[in-house]
Amino acid sequence: MLNVAVLDDYQNVTKKFGNWSKLDGKINLKIFNKFFDDPNDLVKSVLDFEVLCLMRERTVLSASIINKLPKLKLVITTGMWNPSVDKNALKKREIVFCGTDNRIESTAELSWLLTQVVWRNISQEFVNMKNGNWQTSIGRTLFGKTLGIFGLGKQGKQVARFGSAFGMNVIAWSHNLTKEVCELEKVTLVSSDELFKTSDVLSIHTKLSHRTRGFINSEKIKMMKKTSIIINTSRGPIINEEDLINSIKEYYISGVGLDVYDIEPLPKDHELRNLSQNFNVVLSPHLGYVSSETYEKFHQGYVDAILAYLDANPINLLN
């Protein structure tokens, strides 16, 4: 039987989603709920497993880690893309690397939720009602404002449509974005500088790459209106975190909504958590893809990939 490890099941839901009974008598399943922040602890814990099931990019699977796992035969990641896995190291070891089906709606929906909460500056009012108090803030409407989309891919297109439905002027830019794509989505293509100078809401939906890592820095943020906000449900390192924190403190922008961070899970004593107490900073714990519909795709994908591997006919190959 195959020894199978599911990593980073923070909410202990692996067996709730996916029909694992199909693998009865074929695998020994071990579920790890806590994140391994020490690579050596990770290696020790999964040394005897032939199969690793990864939840998105929660755990980095580097070449050094892969090469310390002599029994490893199959790695399954949720979704069909995971830059935290060294595909070349897997290929050299002839370890099969598979993905799963995905749902993309939930991240865009969360992005729009954060947009509304931050723009309306309404999080304090939620606290007021819990504490028996009444209204203390004056909100703003999105109608007639400018929504800037950094990255008009699957997620960005959905958010652009949300913005249009709310009567916003929607603009977009990214390194490879074309006028033709924008025209199809009824979005205005602008320059990088114009994106930052014009956006009332800047929503990030580009992939993390060597070009986008730290792209949004102090210089870019200072171009923005002091009344503007930034929403990030893509990847934390796209924004220079230190510059963002300083920009919040100096009121270079009026608010931030974040679902992603440089370090995840976000440390309990992280300064962003502290800022959320006194500034218009709304934080969620990387919930973009965390929905029952997406988890059903992910966990059933684990099961299907293992069954296919056992039948010597792997599916959704990534290497």
Protein backbone atom coordinates (compact mmCIF):
# COMPACT_ATOMS: atom_id res chain seq x y z
CA MET A 1 0.00 0.00 0.00
CA LEU A 2 1.07 3.56 -0.67
CA ASN A 3 1.85 5.83 2.25
CA VAL A 4 0.08 9.12 1.50
CA ALA A 5 0.59 12.41 3.36
CA VAL A 6 -1.73 15.39 3.06
CA LEU A 7 0.10 18.54 4.17
CA ASP A 8 -1.20 21.77 5.67
CA ASP A 9 -4.80 20.80 6.28
CA TYR A 10 -5.24 23.74 8.66
CA GLN A 11 -8.97 23.14 9.08
CA ASN A 12 -8.85 19.33 9.24
CA VAL A 13 -11.24 18.89 6.32
CA THR A 14 -9.42 16.41 4.05
CA LYS A 15 -11.81 13.55 4.78
CA LYS A 16 -14.86 15.81 4.48
CA PHE A 17 -14.09 16.64 0.86
CA GLY A 18 -13.26 13.92 -1.66
CA ASN A 19 -14.36 10.30 -1.77
CA TRP A 20 -11.41 8.70 0.01
CA SER A 21 -13.31 5.41 0.40
CA LYS A 22 -12.29 4.67 -3.19
CA LEU A 23 -8.77 4.18 -1.86
CA ASP A 24 -9.67 1.82 0.99
CA GLY A 25 -7.12 -0.97 1.18
CA LYS A 26 -4.83 0.81 -1.26
CA ILE A 27 -3.24 3.57 0.84
CA ASN A 28 -2.24 4.50 4.37
CA LEU A 29 -3.39 8.09 4.83
CA LYS A 30 -1.75 10.57 7.21
CA ILE A 31 -3.05 14.14 7.53
CA PHE A 32 -0.84 16.93 8.84
CA ASN A 33 -2.73 19.93 10.18
CA LYS A 34 0.15 22.17 11.23
CA PHE A 35 2.47 24.08 8.92
CA PHE A 36 6.11 22.96 8.95
CA ASP A 37 8.13 26.17 9.19
CA ASP A 38 11.37 24.17 9.55
CA PRO A 39 12.37 22.17 6.42
CA ASN A 40 14.22 19.64 8.57
CA ASP A 41 11.04 18.92 10.55
CA LEU A 42 9.17 18.50 7.29
CA VAL A 43 11.70 15.99 5.96
CA LYS A 44 11.66 13.97 9.17
CA SER A 45 7.86 13.87 9.22
CA VAL A 46 7.33 12.74 5.61
CA LEU A 47 10.43 10.59 5.14
CA ASP A 48 8.47 7.34 4.77
CA PHE A 49 5.79 8.61 2.40
CA GLU A 50 5.56 7.78 -1.28
CA VAL A 51 2.88 10.40 -1.99
CA LEU A 52 2.65 14.03 -0.91
CA CYS A 53 -0.56 16.03 -1.38
CA LEU A 54 0.05 19.78 -1.32
CA MET A 55 -2.52 22.48 -0.65
CA ARG A 56 -1.64 25.33 -3.00
CA GLU A 57 1.71 26.92 -2.08
CA ARG A 58 1.53 26.50 1.68
CA THR A 59 4.61 24.27 1.79
CA VAL A 60 7.68 24.86 -0.36
CA LEU A 61 9.01 21.69 -1.96
CA SER A 62 12.54 22.69 -2.92
CA ALA A 63 15.18 20.53 -4.58
CA SER A 64 17.01 20.09 -1.28
CA ILE A 65 13.85 18.77 0.38
CA ILE A 66 12.91 16.54 -2.55
CA ASN A 67 16.34 14.97 -2.62
CA LYS A 68 16.09 14.03 1.05
CA LEU A 69 12.93 11.97 0.45
CA PRO A 70 14.14 8.70 -1.11
CA LYS A 71 10.71 7.02 -1.11
CA LEU A 72 8.84 9.83 -2.83
CA LYS A 73 7.07 8.72 -6.02
CA LEU A 74 4.15 11.09 -6.53
CA VAL A 75 3.45 14.74 -5.70
CA ILE A 76 -0.03 16.21 -6.16
CA THR A 77 -0.69 19.93 -5.95
CA THR A 78 -4.11 21.52 -5.91
CA GLY A 79 -4.68 23.46 -9.10
CA MET A 80 -2.52 23.20 -12.19
CA TRP A 81 0.30 25.55 -11.20
CA ASN A 82 2.56 25.68 -8.16
CA PRO A 83 5.78 27.75 -8.27
CA SER A 84 6.71 26.53 -4.79
CA VAL A 85 7.55 23.09 -6.18
CA ASP A 86 10.87 22.45 -7.95
CA LYS A 87 9.60 20.64 -11.03
CA ASN A 88 13.10 20.01 -12.35
CA ALA A 89 14.13 18.21 -9.17
CA LEU A 90 11.04 16.00 -9.42
CA LYS A 91 11.76 15.27 -13.07
CA LYS A 92 15.37 14.30 -12.36
CA ARG A 93 14.15 11.82 -9.76
CA GLU A 94 11.37 10.61 -12.11
CA ILE A 95 8.80 11.56 -9.49
CA VAL A 96 5.34 12.07 -11.00
CA PHE A 97 3.94 15.57 -10.50
CA CYS A 98 0.17 16.06 -10.92
CA GLY A 99 -2.38 18.81 -10.46
CA THR A 100 -6.12 18.90 -9.86
CA ASP A 101 -9.18 20.67 -11.19
CA ASN A 102 -9.88 24.09 -9.72
CA ARG A 103 -12.62 26.68 -9.21
CA ILE A 104 -11.70 30.32 -9.76
CA GLU A 105 -14.78 32.25 -8.66
CA SER A 106 -14.15 32.43 -4.92
CA THR A 107 -10.96 34.50 -5.06
CA ALA A 108 -12.53 37.22 -7.20
CA GLU A 109 -15.55 37.29 -4.90
CA LEU A 110 -13.34 37.72 -1.84
CA SER A 111 -11.40 40.47 -3.59
CA TRP A 112 -14.63 42.35 -4.17
CA LEU A 113 -15.76 41.80 -0.59
CA LEU A 114 -12.49 43.31 0.68
CA THR A 115 -12.91 46.19 -1.76
CA GLN A 116 -16.32 47.08 -0.38
CA VAL A 117 -15.33 46.69 3.28
CA VAL A 118 -12.16 48.79 2.94
CA TRP A 119 -13.62 51.46 0.65
CA ARG A 120 -16.66 51.91 2.89
CA ASN A 121 -14.36 51.81 5.96
CA ILE A 122 -17.00 49.65 7.54
CA SER A 123 -14.98 47.22 9.66
CA GLN A 124 -15.09 49.61 12.62
CA GLU A 125 -18.87 49.66 12.38
CA PHE A 126 -18.95 45.86 12.72
CA VAL A 127 -16.96 46.28 15.94
CA ASN A 128 -19.29 49.06 17.09
CA MET A 129 -22.34 46.84 16.79
CA LYS A 130 -20.65 43.99 18.67
CA ASN A 131 -19.69 46.39 21.46
CA GLY A 132 -23.11 48.00 21.74
CA ASN A 133 -22.06 51.23 20.04
CA TRP A 134 -23.50 53.05 17.02
CA GLN A 135 -22.21 54.68 13.82
CA THR A 136 -18.89 56.52 13.93
CA SER A 137 -17.75 56.62 10.29
CA ILE A 138 -18.94 58.13 7.01
CA GLY A 139 -18.59 55.77 4.06
CA ARG A 140 -17.96 56.33 0.36
CA THR A 141 -19.66 54.90 -2.72
CA LEU A 142 -17.85 53.04 -5.49
CA PHE A 143 -20.12 54.40 -8.22
CA GLY A 144 -18.22 56.72 -10.56
CA LYS A 145 -14.83 55.88 -9.06
CA THR A 146 -11.92 54.26 -10.95
CA LEU A 147 -11.06 50.60 -10.46
CA GLY A 148 -7.51 49.74 -11.52
CA ILE A 149 -6.76 46.10 -12.28
CA PHE A 150 -3.13 44.96 -12.14
CA GLY A 151 -3.30 41.76 -14.21
CA LEU A 152 -6.33 41.08 -16.39
CA GLY A 153 -6.33 37.28 -16.25
CA LYS A 154 -9.13 34.99 -15.08
CA GLN A 155 -9.43 36.67 -11.69
CA GLY A 156 -8.88 40.19 -12.95
CA LYS A 157 -11.57 39.83 -15.59
CA GLN A 158 -14.13 38.78 -12.99
CA VAL A 159 -13.27 41.72 -10.73
CA ALA A 160 -13.42 44.09 -13.72
CA ARG A 161 -16.98 42.90 -14.38
CA PHE A 162 -17.89 43.46 -10.72
CA GLY A 163 -16.55 47.00 -10.99
CA SER A 164 -18.52 47.68 -14.14
CA ALA A 165 -21.69 46.38 -12.48
CA PHE A 166 -21.15 48.89 -9.67
CA GLY A 167 -20.82 51.75 -12.16
CA MET A 168 -17.05 52.14 -11.89
CA ASN A 169 -14.62 53.25 -14.56
CA VAL A 170 -12.39 50.19 -15.07
CA ILE A 171 -8.77 50.47 -16.22
CA ALA A 172 -6.02 47.85 -16.37
CA TRP A 173 -2.32 47.29 -16.90
CA SER A 174 0.20 44.49 -16.66
CA HIS A 175 3.49 43.72 -18.37
CA ASN A 176 1.98 41.72 -21.25
CA LEU A 177 -1.55 43.08 -21.36
CA THR A 178 -2.80 44.03 -24.83
CA LYS A 179 -5.37 46.52 -26.04
CA GLU A 180 -7.27 43.69 -27.76
CA VAL A 181 -7.82 41.83 -24.48
CA CYS A 182 -8.95 45.02 -22.77
CA GLU A 183 -11.38 45.86 -25.54
CA LEU A 184 -12.98 42.42 -25.27
CA GLU A 185 -13.53 43.04 -21.55
CA LYS A 186 -14.64 46.67 -22.08
CA VAL A 187 -11.69 47.83 -19.98
CA THR A 188 -9.37 50.74 -20.73
CA LEU A 189 -5.68 49.88 -21.15
CA VAL A 190 -3.41 52.40 -19.42
CA SER A 191 0.29 52.75 -18.65
CA SER A 192 1.82 51.54 -15.41
CA ASP A 193 2.14 55.07 -14.03
CA GLU A 194 -1.41 55.94 -15.02
CA LEU A 195 -2.69 52.83 -13.24
CA PHE A 196 -1.23 54.03 -9.95
CA LYS A 197 -2.03 57.73 -10.41
CA THR A 198 -5.64 57.24 -11.51
CA SER A 199 -6.97 54.26 -9.50
CA ASP A 200 -9.25 54.87 -6.55
CA VAL A 201 -9.18 51.11 -5.96
CA LEU A 202 -6.08 49.20 -7.07
CA SER A 203 -6.84 45.46 -7.20
CA ILE A 204 -3.94 43.05 -7.74
CA HIS A 205 -4.47 39.94 -9.87
CA THR A 206 -1.12 39.32 -11.54
CA LYS A 207 1.08 36.28 -10.90
CA LEU A 208 4.17 36.48 -8.72
CA SER A 209 7.27 36.40 -10.92
CA HIS A 210 10.72 37.96 -11.11
CA ARG A 211 9.09 40.98 -12.77
CA THR A 212 6.29 41.45 -10.25
CA ARG A 213 8.08 40.61 -6.97
CA GLY A 214 8.24 43.87 -5.01
CA PHE A 215 6.88 45.77 -8.01
CA ILE A 216 4.50 47.79 -5.86
CA ASN A 217 6.87 49.77 -3.68
CA SER A 218 6.98 53.12 -1.93
CA GLU A 219 7.60 54.98 -5.19
CA LYS A 220 4.50 53.46 -6.83
CA ILE A 221 2.30 53.96 -3.76
CA LYS A 222 3.28 57.62 -3.48
CA MET A 223 1.90 58.11 -7.01
CA MET A 224 -1.54 57.12 -5.77
CA LYS A 225 -4.25 59.39 -4.41
CA LYS A 226 -4.28 59.67 -0.64
CA THR A 227 -7.93 58.63 -0.79
CA SER A 228 -7.18 55.41 -2.71
CA ILE A 229 -6.99 51.83 -1.43
CA ILE A 230 -5.05 48.69 -2.38
CA ILE A 231 -6.56 45.19 -2.48
CA ASN A 232 -4.30 42.12 -2.80
CA THR A 233 -5.67 38.58 -3.17
CA SER A 234 -2.87 37.41 -5.48
CA ARG A 235 0.50 36.98 -3.74
CA GLY A 236 1.96 38.95 -0.85
CA PRO A 237 5.46 39.62 -2.22
CA ILE A 238 4.06 41.54 -5.21
CA ILE A 239 3.92 44.44 -2.74
CA ASN A 240 7.04 45.45 -0.84
CA GLU A 241 5.67 44.77 2.63
CA GLU A 242 7.86 47.24 4.49
CA ASP A 243 6.96 50.01 2.04
CA LEU A 244 3.28 49.17 2.39
CA ILE A 245 3.41 49.33 6.17
CA ASN A 246 5.16 52.70 6.06
CA SER A 247 2.66 53.99 3.50
CA ILE A 248 -0.23 53.05 5.78
CA LYS A 249 1.38 54.79 8.75
CA GLU A 250 2.08 57.92 6.70
CA TYR A 251 -1.45 57.93 5.21
CA TYR A 252 -0.16 57.84 1.63
CA ILE A 253 -3.29 55.77 0.92
CA SER A 254 -6.54 55.50 2.87
CA GLY A 255 -6.83 51.74 3.29
CA VAL A 256 -5.66 48.24 2.47
CA GLY A 257 -7.35 44.85 2.12
CA LEU A 258 -5.00 41.87 2.17
CA ASP A 259 -5.57 38.14 1.85
CA VAL A 260 -1.93 37.23 1.11
CA TYR A 261 1.37 37.90 2.85
CA ASP A 262 5.14 37.45 2.61
CA ILE A 263 5.01 34.87 5.41
CA GLU A 264 2.04 32.54 5.76
CA PRO A 265 0.50 31.83 8.17
CA LEU A 266 0.97 35.45 9.22
CA PRO A 267 2.85 35.55 12.55
CA LYS A 268 0.72 36.51 15.54
CA ASP A 269 2.92 39.51 16.37
CA HIS A 270 3.19 40.78 12.78
CA GLU A 271 2.94 44.55 12.42
CA LEU A 272 0.11 44.27 9.89
CA ARG A 273 -2.04 42.70 12.60
CA ASN A 274 -1.25 45.63 14.87
CA LEU A 275 -2.05 48.17 12.15
CA SER A 276 -5.47 46.60 11.65
CA GLN A 277 -6.40 47.82 15.14
CA ASN A 278 -5.92 51.53 14.41
CA PHE A 279 -5.94 51.96 10.62
CA ASN A 280 -8.26 51.05 7.77
CA VAL A 281 -6.46 47.74 7.29
CA VAL A 282 -8.60 44.64 6.68
CA LEU A 283 -6.86 41.26 6.82
CA SER A 284 -8.13 37.79 5.90
CA PRO A 285 -6.10 34.55 6.26
CA HIS A 286 -5.57 33.63 2.58
CA LEU A 287 -9.18 32.63 2.06
CA GLY A 288 -9.36 33.41 -1.65
CA TYR A 289 -9.53 29.77 -2.73
CA VAL A 290 -11.01 28.47 0.52
CA SER A 291 -14.59 27.55 -0.37
CA SER A 292 -16.50 24.28 -0.22
CA GLU A 293 -16.81 24.20 -4.01
CA THR A 294 -13.06 24.64 -4.51
CA TYR A 295 -12.15 22.19 -1.76
CA GLU A 296 -14.34 19.54 -3.37
CA LYS A 297 -12.36 19.93 -6.59
CA PHE A 298 -9.05 19.88 -4.76
CA HIS A 299 -9.59 16.90 -2.49
CA GLN A 300 -11.38 14.78 -5.05
CA GLY A 301 -8.46 15.67 -7.30
CA TYR A 302 -6.08 14.09 -4.77
CA VAL A 303 -8.12 10.89 -4.83
CA ASP A 304 -8.42 10.79 -8.61
CA ALA A 305 -4.70 11.42 -9.10
CA ILE A 306 -3.74 8.62 -6.71
CA LEU A 307 -6.14 6.19 -8.39
CA ALA A 308 -4.75 7.11 -11.80
CA TYR A 309 -1.18 6.64 -10.55
CA LEU A 310 -2.04 3.22 -9.15
CA ASP A 311 -3.49 2.34 -12.57
CA ALA A 312 -0.17 3.42 -14.15
CA ASN A 313 -1.99 6.15 -16.08
CA PRO A 314 -1.26 9.47 -14.30
CA ILE A 315 -3.55 12.43 -14.98
CA ASN A 316 -3.06 16.22 -15.02
CA LEU A 317 0.69 15.87 -15.39
CA LEU A 318 2.74 18.95 -14.66
CA ASN A 319 6.19 17.57 -15.50
